[in-house]
Amino acid sequence: MESLKQIFISIAEYLTQFGHIGIFIGMTLESACIPIPSEIILPLGGYLVYRGIGSIFSMTLVATLGCYAGSVIAYVAGYFGGRPFILKYGKYLFISKHDFERAERFFQKRGEITIFVSRLLPVIRTFISLPAGIAKMNFIKFSAYTILGSFPWCLLFVYLGKKLGDNWRTIEEHLKGLDYFILVILIIAILLYVAAKLFGRKKRADIE
């Protein structure tokens, strides 16, 4: 696994030689279920900004568009291929059964809002478009949630990459525990959202 990770790091570093286009391609691949970690691609984009190539906004925008493009590819694959196809042939595209089923369970438990939430979670964000396509989620909603959820994730890592500069490789050390922190915040936000919905229904029932 470590050697595979190093291969993907090398791919990401190669792509950044093409500037914005390389970041777009890298994020497209990542969101199309090719596990090139965005936690590597995006800080590299920030490092390019640090070197004077583009701005934080332009790099974030390009990365977000790449994320959307890759997500659409995965959505279409799920929509027309279905679950059996993904489980049978996914391994040839580096889609492990474990990662796919993890994303699938996450989607089934939390519904369509998962598409937004998952964009802020490592691993799950890479594969979540597949179960959305299999469930034939409304494409307009899928697109909106994907873009809205991807932008802050891309912005965060591009910004950190710029701040770290030549030390961008140390980003994993700086972010230990961040995954759990984000997950806790999202769970709290979801619980508050559900509570607000239930309170609203009760209030309307009382009025009626």
N, C-alpha and C. Protein backbone atom coordinates (compact mmCIF):
# COMPACT_ATOMS: atom_id res chain seq x y z
N MET A 1 0.83 -1.22 0.00
CA MET A 1 0.00 0.00 0.00
C MET A 1 0.85 1.26 0.00
N GLU A 2 1.96 1.20 0.74
CA GLU A 2 2.83 2.37 0.82
C GLU A 2 3.46 2.67 -0.53
N SER A 3 3.85 1.60 -1.27
CA SER A 3 4.44 1.80 -2.59
C SER A 3 3.41 2.35 -3.56
N LEU A 4 2.15 1.89 -3.44
CA LEU A 4 1.08 2.40 -4.29
C LEU A 4 0.83 3.87 -4.01
N LYS A 5 0.86 4.23 -2.73
CA LYS A 5 0.68 5.62 -2.35
C LYS A 5 1.78 6.48 -2.95
N GLN A 6 3.02 5.98 -2.93
CA GLN A 6 4.14 6.73 -3.48
C GLN A 6 3.98 6.92 -4.98
N ILE A 7 3.41 5.91 -5.66
CA ILE A 7 3.16 6.03 -7.09
C ILE A 7 2.19 7.16 -7.36
N PHE A 8 1.12 7.23 -6.56
CA PHE A 8 0.12 8.28 -6.74
C PHE A 8 0.69 9.66 -6.40
N ILE A 9 1.57 9.71 -5.41
CA ILE A 9 2.23 10.98 -5.08
C ILE A 9 3.07 11.44 -6.28
N SER A 10 3.78 10.51 -6.90
CA SER A 10 4.61 10.83 -8.06
C SER A 10 3.75 11.32 -9.22
N ILE A 11 2.58 10.68 -9.41
CA ILE A 11 1.65 11.11 -10.47
C ILE A 11 1.18 12.53 -10.21
N ALA A 12 0.81 12.80 -8.95
CA ALA A 12 0.33 14.14 -8.59
C ALA A 12 1.41 15.19 -8.82
N GLU A 13 2.63 14.87 -8.44
CA GLU A 13 3.74 15.81 -8.63
C GLU A 13 3.99 16.06 -10.12
N TYR A 14 3.85 15.02 -10.92
CA TYR A 14 4.03 15.17 -12.37
C TYR A 14 2.95 16.08 -12.95
N LEU A 15 1.71 15.87 -12.52
CA LEU A 15 0.59 16.66 -13.05
C LEU A 15 0.75 18.15 -12.77
N THR A 16 1.34 18.47 -11.62
CA THR A 16 1.47 19.89 -11.26
C THR A 16 2.43 20.63 -12.18
N GLN A 17 3.20 19.92 -12.97
CA GLN A 17 4.07 20.58 -13.94
C GLN A 17 3.25 21.31 -15.00
N PHE A 18 1.98 20.95 -15.11
CA PHE A 18 1.10 21.58 -16.09
C PHE A 18 0.22 22.67 -15.47
N GLY A 19 0.57 23.08 -14.24
CA GLY A 19 -0.14 24.18 -13.60
C GLY A 19 -1.60 23.88 -13.34
N HIS A 20 -2.46 24.84 -13.68
CA HIS A 20 -3.89 24.70 -13.42
C HIS A 20 -4.48 23.47 -14.09
N ILE A 21 -4.05 23.20 -15.32
CA ILE A 21 -4.58 22.04 -16.05
C ILE A 21 -4.23 20.75 -15.32
N GLY A 22 -3.02 20.68 -14.80
CA GLY A 22 -2.60 19.48 -14.06
C GLY A 22 -3.44 19.27 -12.81
N ILE A 23 -3.74 20.36 -12.09
CA ILE A 23 -4.57 20.26 -10.89
C ILE A 23 -5.98 19.81 -11.27
N PHE A 24 -6.50 20.34 -12.37
CA PHE A 24 -7.82 19.94 -12.86
C PHE A 24 -7.85 18.45 -13.17
N ILE A 25 -6.85 17.98 -13.89
CA ILE A 25 -6.79 16.55 -14.25
C ILE A 25 -6.66 15.68 -13.00
N GLY A 26 -5.80 16.10 -12.08
CA GLY A 26 -5.60 15.34 -10.85
C GLY A 26 -6.88 15.21 -10.04
N MET A 27 -7.62 16.30 -9.89
CA MET A 27 -8.86 16.26 -9.12
C MET A 27 -9.95 15.50 -9.85
N THR A 28 -9.92 15.56 -11.20
CA THR A 28 -10.88 14.78 -11.98
C THR A 28 -10.65 13.28 -11.75
N LEU A 29 -9.39 12.87 -11.80
CA LEU A 29 -9.06 11.46 -11.56
C LEU A 29 -9.46 11.04 -10.15
N GLU A 30 -9.16 11.89 -9.16
CA GLU A 30 -9.47 11.56 -7.77
C GLU A 30 -10.97 11.38 -7.57
N SER A 31 -11.76 12.25 -8.17
CA SER A 31 -13.21 12.18 -7.98
C SER A 31 -13.86 11.13 -8.87
N ALA A 32 -13.11 10.64 -9.86
CA ALA A 32 -13.60 9.55 -10.70
C ALA A 32 -13.18 8.21 -10.13
N CYS A 33 -12.83 8.20 -8.84
CA CYS A 33 -12.52 6.98 -8.08
C CYS A 33 -11.12 6.43 -8.32
N ILE A 34 -10.24 7.21 -8.93
CA ILE A 34 -8.83 6.84 -9.00
C ILE A 34 -8.19 7.45 -7.75
N PRO A 35 -7.77 6.62 -6.79
CA PRO A 35 -7.41 7.15 -5.46
C PRO A 35 -6.08 7.91 -5.40
N ILE A 36 -6.00 9.00 -6.16
CA ILE A 36 -4.88 9.92 -6.00
C ILE A 36 -5.35 10.93 -4.94
N PRO A 37 -4.84 10.88 -3.73
CA PRO A 37 -5.42 11.68 -2.64
C PRO A 37 -5.45 13.18 -2.93
N SER A 38 -6.62 13.78 -2.73
CA SER A 38 -6.73 15.23 -2.90
C SER A 38 -5.90 15.96 -1.86
N GLU A 39 -5.60 15.26 -0.73
CA GLU A 39 -4.75 15.85 0.30
C GLU A 39 -3.31 16.03 -0.19
N ILE A 40 -2.99 15.45 -1.35
CA ILE A 40 -1.69 15.64 -1.98
C ILE A 40 -1.81 16.62 -3.14
N ILE A 41 -2.83 16.42 -3.97
CA ILE A 41 -3.02 17.26 -5.15
C ILE A 41 -3.23 18.72 -4.78
N LEU A 42 -4.13 18.97 -3.84
CA LEU A 42 -4.49 20.35 -3.50
C LEU A 42 -3.36 21.14 -2.84
N PRO A 43 -2.62 20.55 -1.86
CA PRO A 43 -1.48 21.29 -1.33
C PRO A 43 -0.42 21.59 -2.39
N LEU A 44 -0.30 20.69 -3.37
CA LEU A 44 0.61 20.97 -4.48
C LEU A 44 0.12 22.17 -5.29
N GLY A 45 -1.21 22.26 -5.43
CA GLY A 45 -1.79 23.44 -6.09
C GLY A 45 -1.47 24.70 -5.30
N GLY A 46 -1.57 24.60 -3.97
CA GLY A 46 -1.21 25.74 -3.12
C GLY A 46 0.26 26.09 -3.24
N TYR A 47 1.09 25.06 -3.39
CA TYR A 47 2.52 25.28 -3.56
C TYR A 47 2.80 26.03 -4.87
N LEU A 48 2.01 25.73 -5.92
CA LEU A 48 2.14 26.46 -7.18
C LEU A 48 1.81 27.94 -6.98
N VAL A 49 0.76 28.19 -6.19
CA VAL A 49 0.39 29.59 -5.89
C VAL A 49 1.53 30.27 -5.12
N TYR A 50 2.11 29.54 -4.19
CA TYR A 50 3.26 30.03 -3.42
C TYR A 50 4.40 30.44 -4.34
N ARG A 51 4.55 29.71 -5.45
CA ARG A 51 5.60 30.00 -6.42
C ARG A 51 5.19 31.07 -7.43
N GLY A 52 3.98 31.60 -7.27
CA GLY A 52 3.54 32.69 -8.14
C GLY A 52 2.70 32.27 -9.33
N ILE A 53 2.23 31.01 -9.34
CA ILE A 53 1.41 30.52 -10.45
C ILE A 53 -0.05 30.59 -10.04
N GLY A 54 -0.78 31.55 -10.58
CA GLY A 54 -2.19 31.70 -10.26
C GLY A 54 -2.41 32.27 -8.87
N SER A 55 -3.66 32.19 -8.43
CA SER A 55 -4.04 32.69 -7.11
C SER A 55 -4.77 31.58 -6.36
N ILE A 56 -4.99 31.80 -5.07
CA ILE A 56 -5.72 30.80 -4.27
C ILE A 56 -7.11 30.57 -4.86
N PHE A 57 -7.76 31.66 -5.27
CA PHE A 57 -9.12 31.51 -5.82
C PHE A 57 -9.11 30.74 -7.14
N SER A 58 -8.22 31.10 -8.06
CA SER A 58 -8.20 30.43 -9.36
C SER A 58 -7.85 28.96 -9.22
N MET A 59 -6.92 28.64 -8.31
CA MET A 59 -6.53 27.25 -8.11
C MET A 59 -7.67 26.46 -7.46
N THR A 60 -8.36 27.10 -6.52
CA THR A 60 -9.50 26.45 -5.86
C THR A 60 -10.63 26.21 -6.85
N LEU A 61 -10.88 27.19 -7.70
CA LEU A 61 -11.96 27.07 -8.69
C LEU A 61 -11.67 25.93 -9.67
N VAL A 62 -10.45 25.88 -10.17
CA VAL A 62 -10.06 24.83 -11.11
C VAL A 62 -10.16 23.45 -10.44
N ALA A 63 -9.71 23.36 -9.19
CA ALA A 63 -9.77 22.10 -8.46
C ALA A 63 -11.22 21.66 -8.25
N THR A 64 -12.09 22.62 -7.92
CA THR A 64 -13.51 22.32 -7.71
C THR A 64 -14.15 21.82 -8.99
N LEU A 65 -13.83 22.46 -10.11
CA LEU A 65 -14.36 22.03 -11.41
C LEU A 65 -13.87 20.62 -11.76
N GLY A 66 -12.61 20.34 -11.42
CA GLY A 66 -12.07 19.00 -11.65
C GLY A 66 -12.80 17.97 -10.81
N CYS A 67 -13.06 18.33 -9.56
CA CYS A 67 -13.80 17.45 -8.66
C CYS A 67 -15.19 17.16 -9.22
N TYR A 68 -15.83 18.20 -9.73
CA TYR A 68 -17.17 18.03 -10.31
C TYR A 68 -17.13 17.13 -11.54
N ALA A 69 -16.15 17.38 -12.42
CA ALA A 69 -16.04 16.58 -13.65
C ALA A 69 -15.84 15.10 -13.32
N GLY A 70 -14.94 14.81 -12.38
CA GLY A 70 -14.71 13.42 -12.00
C GLY A 70 -15.92 12.79 -11.33
N SER A 71 -16.63 13.59 -10.54
CA SER A 71 -17.82 13.10 -9.86
C SER A 71 -18.91 12.73 -10.85
N VAL A 72 -19.04 13.53 -11.91
CA VAL A 72 -20.03 13.23 -12.95
C VAL A 72 -19.70 11.91 -13.64
N ILE A 73 -18.41 11.69 -13.91
CA ILE A 73 -17.98 10.43 -14.53
C ILE A 73 -18.37 9.24 -13.65
N ALA A 74 -18.10 9.36 -12.35
CA ALA A 74 -18.44 8.28 -11.41
C ALA A 74 -19.96 8.11 -11.30
N TYR A 75 -20.68 9.23 -11.28
CA TYR A 75 -22.15 9.19 -11.20
C TYR A 75 -22.73 8.44 -12.40
N VAL A 76 -22.23 8.77 -13.58
CA VAL A 76 -22.71 8.13 -14.81
C VAL A 76 -22.39 6.63 -14.79
N ALA A 77 -21.19 6.29 -14.30
CA ALA A 77 -20.80 4.88 -14.21
C ALA A 77 -21.75 4.12 -13.30
N GLY A 78 -22.11 4.74 -12.17
CA GLY A 78 -23.04 4.11 -11.24
C GLY A 78 -24.45 4.04 -11.81
N TYR A 79 -24.85 5.11 -12.49
CA TYR A 79 -26.21 5.22 -13.05
C TYR A 79 -26.47 4.13 -14.08
N PHE A 80 -25.52 3.95 -14.99
CA PHE A 80 -25.72 3.00 -16.09
C PHE A 80 -25.12 1.62 -15.81
N GLY A 81 -24.10 1.57 -14.96
CA GLY A 81 -23.46 0.29 -14.68
C GLY A 81 -24.12 -0.49 -13.57
N GLY A 82 -24.56 0.23 -12.54
CA GLY A 82 -25.21 -0.43 -11.42
C GLY A 82 -24.22 -1.06 -10.46
N ARG A 83 -24.74 -1.49 -9.32
CA ARG A 83 -23.91 -2.04 -8.25
C ARG A 83 -23.14 -3.30 -8.66
N PRO A 84 -23.79 -4.27 -9.35
CA PRO A 84 -23.06 -5.49 -9.73
C PRO A 84 -21.84 -5.19 -10.60
N PHE A 85 -21.99 -4.24 -11.52
CA PHE A 85 -20.89 -3.88 -12.41
C PHE A 85 -19.72 -3.31 -11.63
N ILE A 86 -20.02 -2.41 -10.67
CA ILE A 86 -18.98 -1.77 -9.87
C ILE A 86 -18.24 -2.81 -9.03
N LEU A 87 -18.99 -3.71 -8.41
CA LEU A 87 -18.36 -4.72 -7.55
C LEU A 87 -17.53 -5.71 -8.36
N LYS A 88 -17.95 -5.98 -9.60
CA LYS A 88 -17.24 -6.95 -10.44
C LYS A 88 -15.99 -6.36 -11.08
N TYR A 89 -16.11 -5.13 -11.59
CA TYR A 89 -15.01 -4.56 -12.37
C TYR A 89 -14.30 -3.40 -11.67
N GLY A 90 -14.81 -2.98 -10.52
CA GLY A 90 -14.21 -1.84 -9.83
C GLY A 90 -12.75 -2.05 -9.45
N LYS A 91 -12.39 -3.29 -9.15
CA LYS A 91 -11.01 -3.57 -8.73
C LYS A 91 -10.00 -3.21 -9.81
N TYR A 92 -10.42 -3.24 -11.06
CA TYR A 92 -9.50 -2.90 -12.16
C TYR A 92 -9.27 -1.40 -12.25
N LEU A 93 -10.12 -0.63 -11.53
CA LEU A 93 -9.98 0.83 -11.50
C LEU A 93 -9.59 1.31 -10.11
N PHE A 94 -9.02 0.40 -9.31
CA PHE A 94 -8.58 0.71 -7.94
C PHE A 94 -9.74 1.00 -7.00
N ILE A 95 -10.95 0.54 -7.35
CA ILE A 95 -12.11 0.73 -6.47
C ILE A 95 -12.27 -0.55 -5.65
N SER A 96 -11.85 -0.51 -4.41
CA SER A 96 -11.96 -1.71 -3.58
C SER A 96 -13.40 -1.89 -3.11
N LYS A 97 -13.79 -3.15 -2.89
CA LYS A 97 -15.14 -3.45 -2.43
C LYS A 97 -15.38 -2.78 -1.08
N HIS A 98 -14.38 -2.78 -0.23
CA HIS A 98 -14.50 -2.19 1.11
C HIS A 98 -14.81 -0.70 1.03
N ASP A 99 -14.04 0.04 0.22
CA ASP A 99 -14.23 1.49 0.11
C ASP A 99 -15.57 1.83 -0.52
N PHE A 100 -15.95 1.05 -1.55
CA PHE A 100 -17.23 1.30 -2.19
C PHE A 100 -18.40 1.07 -1.23
N GLU A 101 -18.37 -0.05 -0.51
CA GLU A 101 -19.47 -0.36 0.41
C GLU A 101 -19.52 0.62 1.57
N ARG A 102 -18.36 1.13 1.95
CA ARG A 102 -18.31 2.15 3.01
C ARG A 102 -19.02 3.41 2.55
N ALA A 103 -18.75 3.83 1.32
CA ALA A 103 -19.41 5.02 0.76
C ALA A 103 -20.90 4.76 0.56
N GLU A 104 -21.23 3.55 0.13
CA GLU A 104 -22.63 3.17 -0.11
C GLU A 104 -23.44 3.24 1.19
N ARG A 105 -22.89 2.68 2.27
CA ARG A 105 -23.57 2.72 3.57
C ARG A 105 -23.76 4.16 4.04
N PHE A 106 -22.73 4.97 3.85
CA PHE A 106 -22.80 6.37 4.25
C PHE A 106 -23.92 7.08 3.51
N PHE A 107 -24.05 6.81 2.22
CA PHE A 107 -25.09 7.43 1.40
C PHE A 107 -26.47 6.96 1.83
N GLN A 108 -26.62 5.66 2.07
CA GLN A 108 -27.93 5.10 2.42
C GLN A 108 -28.42 5.60 3.77
N LYS A 109 -27.50 5.79 4.71
CA LYS A 109 -27.89 6.21 6.06
C LYS A 109 -28.30 7.68 6.11
N ARG A 110 -27.63 8.50 5.32
CA ARG A 110 -27.83 9.94 5.47
C ARG A 110 -28.53 10.61 4.29
N GLY A 111 -28.84 9.86 3.27
CA GLY A 111 -29.61 10.41 2.16
C GLY A 111 -28.82 11.35 1.26
N GLU A 112 -29.52 12.15 0.50
CA GLU A 112 -28.91 12.98 -0.53
C GLU A 112 -27.94 14.02 0.02
N ILE A 113 -28.21 14.49 1.26
CA ILE A 113 -27.30 15.49 1.85
C ILE A 113 -25.90 14.92 2.01
N THR A 114 -25.79 13.59 1.94
CA THR A 114 -24.50 12.93 2.02
C THR A 114 -23.54 13.44 0.95
N ILE A 115 -24.05 13.77 -0.22
CA ILE A 115 -23.20 14.23 -1.31
C ILE A 115 -22.46 15.50 -0.90
N PHE A 116 -23.13 16.36 -0.15
CA PHE A 116 -22.47 17.57 0.36
C PHE A 116 -21.51 17.23 1.48
N VAL A 117 -22.01 16.48 2.46
CA VAL A 117 -21.22 16.14 3.65
C VAL A 117 -19.95 15.37 3.29
N SER A 118 -20.10 14.40 2.40
CA SER A 118 -18.98 13.50 2.08
C SER A 118 -17.82 14.22 1.40
N ARG A 119 -18.08 15.34 0.77
CA ARG A 119 -17.01 16.08 0.11
C ARG A 119 -15.99 16.62 1.11
N LEU A 120 -16.34 16.57 2.38
CA LEU A 120 -15.45 17.05 3.43
C LEU A 120 -14.80 15.89 4.19
N LEU A 121 -14.96 14.67 3.67
CA LEU A 121 -14.42 13.49 4.35
C LEU A 121 -13.50 12.71 3.42
N PRO A 122 -12.28 12.42 3.87
CA PRO A 122 -11.35 11.64 3.06
C PRO A 122 -11.90 10.25 2.74
N VAL A 123 -11.44 9.66 1.67
CA VAL A 123 -11.82 8.33 1.18
C VAL A 123 -13.28 8.30 0.71
N ILE A 124 -14.22 8.58 1.61
CA ILE A 124 -15.63 8.55 1.23
C ILE A 124 -15.91 9.51 0.09
N ARG A 125 -15.26 10.70 0.12
CA ARG A 125 -15.50 11.70 -0.91
C ARG A 125 -15.11 11.19 -2.29
N THR A 126 -14.14 10.28 -2.33
CA THR A 126 -13.65 9.77 -3.60
C THR A 126 -14.67 8.85 -4.28
N PHE A 127 -15.45 8.11 -3.48
CA PHE A 127 -16.31 7.07 -4.03
C PHE A 127 -17.80 7.35 -3.93
N ILE A 128 -18.19 8.45 -3.27
CA ILE A 128 -19.60 8.68 -2.96
C ILE A 128 -20.47 8.88 -4.19
N SER A 129 -19.90 9.31 -5.31
CA SER A 129 -20.70 9.55 -6.52
C SER A 129 -21.26 8.27 -7.11
N LEU A 130 -20.57 7.15 -6.87
CA LEU A 130 -21.05 5.87 -7.39
C LEU A 130 -22.41 5.48 -6.82
N PRO A 131 -22.57 5.42 -5.49
CA PRO A 131 -23.90 5.08 -4.96
C PRO A 131 -24.96 6.11 -5.31
N ALA A 132 -24.56 7.37 -5.49
CA ALA A 132 -25.52 8.39 -5.90
C ALA A 132 -26.05 8.08 -7.29
N GLY A 133 -25.15 7.66 -8.19
CA GLY A 133 -25.57 7.29 -9.53
C GLY A 133 -26.42 6.03 -9.53
N ILE A 134 -26.02 5.04 -8.73
CA ILE A 134 -26.78 3.79 -8.65
C ILE A 134 -28.20 4.06 -8.14
N ALA A 135 -28.32 5.00 -7.16
CA ALA A 135 -29.63 5.36 -6.61
C ALA A 135 -30.40 6.30 -7.54
N LYS A 136 -29.74 6.70 -8.65
CA LYS A 136 -30.36 7.60 -9.63
C LYS A 136 -30.84 8.90 -8.97
N MET A 137 -29.97 9.44 -8.14
CA MET A 137 -30.24 10.72 -7.48
C MET A 137 -30.44 11.82 -8.52
N ASN A 138 -31.33 12.75 -8.24
CA ASN A 138 -31.57 13.88 -9.13
C ASN A 138 -30.25 14.56 -9.49
N PHE A 139 -29.98 14.69 -10.79
CA PHE A 139 -28.68 15.16 -11.24
C PHE A 139 -28.42 16.63 -10.86
N ILE A 140 -29.45 17.44 -10.88
CA ILE A 140 -29.29 18.86 -10.51
C ILE A 140 -28.88 18.98 -9.05
N LYS A 141 -29.57 18.23 -8.18
CA LYS A 141 -29.21 18.23 -6.76
C LYS A 141 -27.80 17.68 -6.56
N PHE A 142 -27.50 16.60 -7.27
CA PHE A 142 -26.17 16.00 -7.18
C PHE A 142 -25.10 17.02 -7.55
N SER A 143 -25.32 17.76 -8.62
CA SER A 143 -24.34 18.75 -9.09
C SER A 143 -24.17 19.87 -8.06
N ALA A 144 -25.30 20.37 -7.55
CA ALA A 144 -25.25 21.47 -6.59
C ALA A 144 -24.52 21.06 -5.31
N TYR A 145 -24.87 19.90 -4.76
CA TYR A 145 -24.23 19.43 -3.53
C TYR A 145 -22.74 19.15 -3.75
N THR A 146 -22.41 18.62 -4.91
CA THR A 146 -21.01 18.31 -5.22
C THR A 146 -20.16 19.57 -5.25
N ILE A 147 -20.64 20.58 -5.95
CA ILE A 147 -19.88 21.83 -6.08
C ILE A 147 -19.80 22.56 -4.75
N LEU A 148 -20.93 22.65 -4.04
CA LEU A 148 -20.96 23.36 -2.76
C LEU A 148 -20.09 22.67 -1.71
N GLY A 149 -20.03 21.34 -1.75
CA GLY A 149 -19.22 20.62 -0.79
C GLY A 149 -17.75 20.58 -1.15
N SER A 150 -17.45 20.60 -2.45
CA SER A 150 -16.06 20.50 -2.90
C SER A 150 -15.29 21.80 -2.73
N PHE A 151 -15.94 22.92 -2.91
CA PHE A 151 -15.24 24.21 -2.89
C PHE A 151 -14.52 24.47 -1.57
N PRO A 152 -15.18 24.33 -0.40
CA PRO A 152 -14.46 24.59 0.86
C PRO A 152 -13.32 23.62 1.11
N TRP A 153 -13.48 22.35 0.72
CA TRP A 153 -12.42 21.36 0.87
C TRP A 153 -11.20 21.78 0.03
N CYS A 154 -11.45 22.13 -1.21
CA CYS A 154 -10.36 22.55 -2.09
C CYS A 154 -9.69 23.83 -1.58
N LEU A 155 -10.51 24.77 -1.13
CA LEU A 155 -9.98 26.04 -0.63
C LEU A 155 -9.07 25.81 0.57
N LEU A 156 -9.50 24.95 1.49
CA LEU A 156 -8.72 24.68 2.70
C LEU A 156 -7.33 24.15 2.35
N PHE A 157 -7.27 23.14 1.49
CA PHE A 157 -5.98 22.50 1.22
C PHE A 157 -5.09 23.32 0.29
N VAL A 158 -5.69 24.08 -0.61
CA VAL A 158 -4.89 24.98 -1.44
C VAL A 158 -4.27 26.06 -0.56
N TYR A 159 -5.08 26.58 0.35
CA TYR A 159 -4.59 27.62 1.27
C TYR A 159 -3.45 27.09 2.13
N LEU A 160 -3.64 25.87 2.69
CA LEU A 160 -2.60 25.28 3.53
C LEU A 160 -1.33 25.02 2.72
N GLY A 161 -1.49 24.58 1.49
CA GLY A 161 -0.33 24.33 0.63
C GLY A 161 0.46 25.60 0.38
N LYS A 162 -0.26 26.70 0.18
CA LYS A 162 0.42 27.99 -0.03
C LYS A 162 1.14 28.43 1.22
N LYS A 163 0.49 28.26 2.37
CA LYS A 163 1.10 28.68 3.63
C LYS A 163 2.33 27.86 3.98
N LEU A 164 2.27 26.57 3.69
CA LEU A 164 3.40 25.70 4.00
C LEU A 164 4.55 25.86 3.01
N GLY A 165 4.24 26.31 1.80
CA GLY A 165 5.29 26.56 0.82
C GLY A 165 6.13 25.34 0.53
N ASP A 166 7.44 25.48 0.68
CA ASP A 166 8.36 24.37 0.40
C ASP A 166 8.14 23.18 1.34
N ASN A 167 7.43 23.40 2.43
CA ASN A 167 7.19 22.32 3.40
C ASN A 167 5.82 21.67 3.20
N TRP A 168 5.25 21.78 2.00
CA TRP A 168 3.91 21.27 1.75
C TRP A 168 3.78 19.77 2.05
N ARG A 169 4.89 19.03 1.97
CA ARG A 169 4.84 17.60 2.21
C ARG A 169 4.50 17.26 3.67
N THR A 170 4.68 18.22 4.56
CA THR A 170 4.42 17.95 5.98
C THR A 170 2.94 18.11 6.33
N ILE A 171 2.10 18.30 5.31
CA ILE A 171 0.69 18.60 5.58
C ILE A 171 -0.01 17.49 6.35
N GLU A 172 0.37 16.22 6.11
CA GLU A 172 -0.26 15.12 6.84
C GLU A 172 0.00 15.23 8.34
N GLU A 173 1.21 15.69 8.71
CA GLU A 173 1.53 15.85 10.13
C GLU A 173 0.70 16.96 10.74
N HIS A 174 0.47 18.03 9.96
CA HIS A 174 -0.30 19.17 10.47
C HIS A 174 -1.79 18.84 10.62
N LEU A 175 -2.24 17.82 9.89
CA LEU A 175 -3.67 17.56 9.84
C LEU A 175 -4.10 16.30 10.58
N LYS A 176 -3.22 15.74 11.41
CA LYS A 176 -3.59 14.55 12.17
C LYS A 176 -4.77 14.87 13.09
N GLY A 177 -5.79 14.07 12.99
CA GLY A 177 -6.97 14.27 13.82
C GLY A 177 -8.01 15.18 13.20
N LEU A 178 -7.66 15.85 12.09
CA LEU A 178 -8.61 16.78 11.47
C LEU A 178 -9.84 16.03 10.94
N ASP A 179 -9.64 14.82 10.41
CA ASP A 179 -10.75 14.04 9.87
C ASP A 179 -11.83 13.85 10.93
N TYR A 180 -11.41 13.48 12.14
CA TYR A 180 -12.37 13.22 13.21
C TYR A 180 -13.05 14.51 13.66
N PHE A 181 -12.28 15.59 13.69
CA PHE A 181 -12.86 16.88 14.08
C PHE A 181 -13.96 17.30 13.10
N ILE A 182 -13.65 17.18 11.80
CA ILE A 182 -14.63 17.54 10.77
C ILE A 182 -15.86 16.65 10.89
N LEU A 183 -15.65 15.35 11.12
CA LEU A 183 -16.76 14.41 11.22
C LEU A 183 -17.67 14.76 12.38
N VAL A 184 -17.09 15.11 13.53
CA VAL A 184 -17.88 15.49 14.70
C VAL A 184 -18.71 16.74 14.41
N ILE A 185 -18.08 17.73 13.80
CA ILE A 185 -18.79 18.97 13.46
C ILE A 185 -19.95 18.69 12.52
N LEU A 186 -19.72 17.82 11.52
CA LEU A 186 -20.76 17.50 10.55
C LEU A 186 -21.91 16.74 11.20
N ILE A 187 -21.59 15.82 12.10
CA ILE A 187 -22.63 15.07 12.79
C ILE A 187 -23.50 16.00 13.62
N ILE A 188 -22.86 16.95 14.31
CA ILE A 188 -23.60 17.94 15.10
C ILE A 188 -24.51 18.76 14.19
N ALA A 189 -23.96 19.18 13.03
CA ALA A 189 -24.74 19.98 12.09
C ALA A 189 -25.94 19.21 11.57
N ILE A 190 -25.75 17.93 11.27
CA ILE A 190 -26.84 17.09 10.78
C ILE A 190 -27.92 16.91 11.84
N LEU A 191 -27.49 16.68 13.09
CA LEU A 191 -28.44 16.52 14.20
C LEU A 191 -29.26 17.80 14.41
N LEU A 192 -28.59 18.94 14.31
CA LEU A 192 -29.31 20.22 14.45
C LEU A 192 -30.30 20.42 13.32
N TYR A 193 -29.89 20.00 12.11
CA TYR A 193 -30.77 20.12 10.94
C TYR A 193 -32.01 19.26 11.12
N VAL A 194 -31.81 18.00 11.56
CA VAL A 194 -32.93 17.08 11.78
C VAL A 194 -33.83 17.60 12.89
N ALA A 195 -33.23 18.10 13.97
CA ALA A 195 -34.01 18.65 15.09
C ALA A 195 -34.87 19.82 14.63
N ALA A 196 -34.29 20.69 13.80
CA ALA A 196 -35.02 21.85 13.30
C ALA A 196 -36.20 21.41 12.43
N LYS A 197 -35.98 20.38 11.61
CA LYS A 197 -37.05 19.86 10.76
C LYS A 197 -38.18 19.28 11.60
N LEU A 198 -37.84 18.50 12.62
CA LEU A 198 -38.85 17.88 13.49
C LEU A 198 -39.62 18.94 14.27
N PHE A 199 -38.89 19.97 14.73
CA PHE A 199 -39.54 21.05 15.47
C PHE A 199 -40.50 21.80 14.56
N GLY A 200 -40.07 22.01 13.30
CA GLY A 200 -40.93 22.71 12.35
C GLY A 200 -42.21 21.95 12.07
N ARG A 201 -42.08 20.62 11.91
CA ARG A 201 -43.26 19.79 11.66
C ARG A 201 -44.21 19.81 12.85
N LYS A 202 -43.66 19.73 14.06
CA LYS A 202 -44.48 19.72 15.28
C LYS A 202 -45.24 21.06 15.41
N LYS A 203 -44.51 22.13 15.08
CA LYS A 203 -45.12 23.46 15.18
C LYS A 203 -46.28 23.60 14.20
N ARG A 204 -46.08 23.10 12.96
CA ARG A 204 -47.15 23.16 11.96
C ARG A 204 -48.33 22.30 12.38
N ALA A 205 -48.03 21.13 12.98
CA ALA A 205 -49.10 20.23 13.43
C ALA A 205 -49.92 20.90 14.55
N ASP A 206 -49.26 21.62 15.44
CA ASP A 206 -49.94 22.29 16.53
C ASP A 206 -50.85 23.39 16.01
N ILE A 207 -50.35 24.10 14.98
CA ILE A 207 -51.15 25.19 14.38
C ILE A 207 -52.40 24.64 13.72
N GLU A 208 -52.21 23.49 13.00
CA GLU A 208 -53.36 22.88 12.31
C GLU A 208 -54.37 22.32 13.30
